């Protein structure tokens, strides 16, 4: 559970820094995302979730 909370904190930290440093880029990206179909967004979401899971699994398995 401790690692999960650290991971959430890390995501919030990175997102916060990106929004603070590149606000106009974030706005432009959100406009681009509106033009992408929900199915495509869902596919990318699953792909990124699987990549994230593999990274976490690899790190835990190898004790890194």
Protein backbone atom coordinates (compact mmCIF):
# COMPACT_ATOMS: atom_id res chain seq x y z
CA UNK A 1 0.00 0.00 0.00
CA UNK A 2 2.91 2.32 0.80
CA UNK A 3 4.28 1.90 -2.73
CA UNK A 4 0.87 2.64 -4.24
CA UNK A 5 0.60 5.92 -2.36
CA UNK A 6 4.15 6.83 -3.41
CA UNK A 7 3.24 6.05 -7.04
CA UNK A 8 0.13 8.27 -6.86
CA UNK A 9 2.24 11.05 -5.35
CA UNK A 10 4.79 10.70 -8.12
CA UNK A 11 2.10 10.90 -10.81
CA UNK A 12 0.65 14.03 -9.19
CA UNK A 13 4.12 15.57 -8.90
CA UNK A 14 4.95 14.97 -12.56
CA UNK A 15 1.53 16.16 -13.76
CA UNK A 16 1.76 19.24 -11.58
CA UNK A 17 5.21 20.15 -12.87
CA UNK A 18 4.10 19.69 -16.47
CA UNK A 19 1.03 21.91 -15.95
CA UNK A 20 3.12 24.57 -14.19
CA UNK A 21 5.95 24.63 -16.73
CA UNK A 22 4.03 24.03 -19.97
CA UNK A 23 0.45 25.32 -19.49
CA UNK A 24 -0.08 26.25 -23.14
CA UNK A 25 1.14 22.85 -24.34
CA UNK A 26 -1.26 21.12 -21.94
CA UNK A 27 -4.16 23.19 -23.29
CA UNK A 28 -3.19 22.37 -26.89
CA UNK A 29 -2.90 18.65 -26.08
CA UNK A 30 -6.32 18.64 -24.43
CA UNK A 31 -7.80 20.17 -27.58
CA UNK A 32 -6.13 17.49 -29.71
CA UNK A 33 -7.44 14.72 -27.45
CA UNK A 34 -11.01 15.95 -28.00
CA UNK A 35 -10.65 15.05 -31.68
CA UNK A 36 -9.61 11.45 -30.98
CA UNK A 37 -12.34 8.82 -30.89
CA UNK A 38 -13.17 7.20 -27.53
CA UNK A 39 -12.20 3.77 -28.89
CA UNK A 40 -8.74 5.00 -29.86
CA UNK A 41 -8.25 6.65 -26.47
CA UNK A 42 -9.37 3.44 -24.77
CA UNK A 43 -6.86 1.40 -26.79
CA UNK A 44 -4.02 3.77 -25.92
CA UNK A 45 -5.09 3.70 -22.28
CA UNK A 46 -4.91 -0.09 -22.19
CA UNK A 47 -1.55 -0.10 -23.95
CA UNK A 48 -0.06 2.40 -21.50
CA UNK A 49 -1.54 0.52 -18.54
CA UNK A 50 0.02 -2.73 -19.77
CA UNK A 51 3.39 -1.03 -20.32
CA UNK A 52 3.21 0.44 -16.82
CA UNK A 53 2.32 -2.93 -15.33
CA UNK A 54 5.23 -4.61 -17.13
CA UNK A 55 7.66 -1.97 -15.87
CA UNK A 56 6.43 -2.35 -12.29
CA UNK A 57 6.48 -6.15 -12.52
CA UNK A 58 10.01 -6.15 -13.93
CA UNK A 59 11.29 -3.78 -11.26
CA UNK A 60 9.70 -5.79 -8.44
CA UNK A 61 10.86 -9.13 -9.86
CA UNK A 62 14.47 -8.02 -10.21
CA UNK A 63 14.60 -6.13 -6.93
CA UNK A 64 15.43 -2.82 -8.54
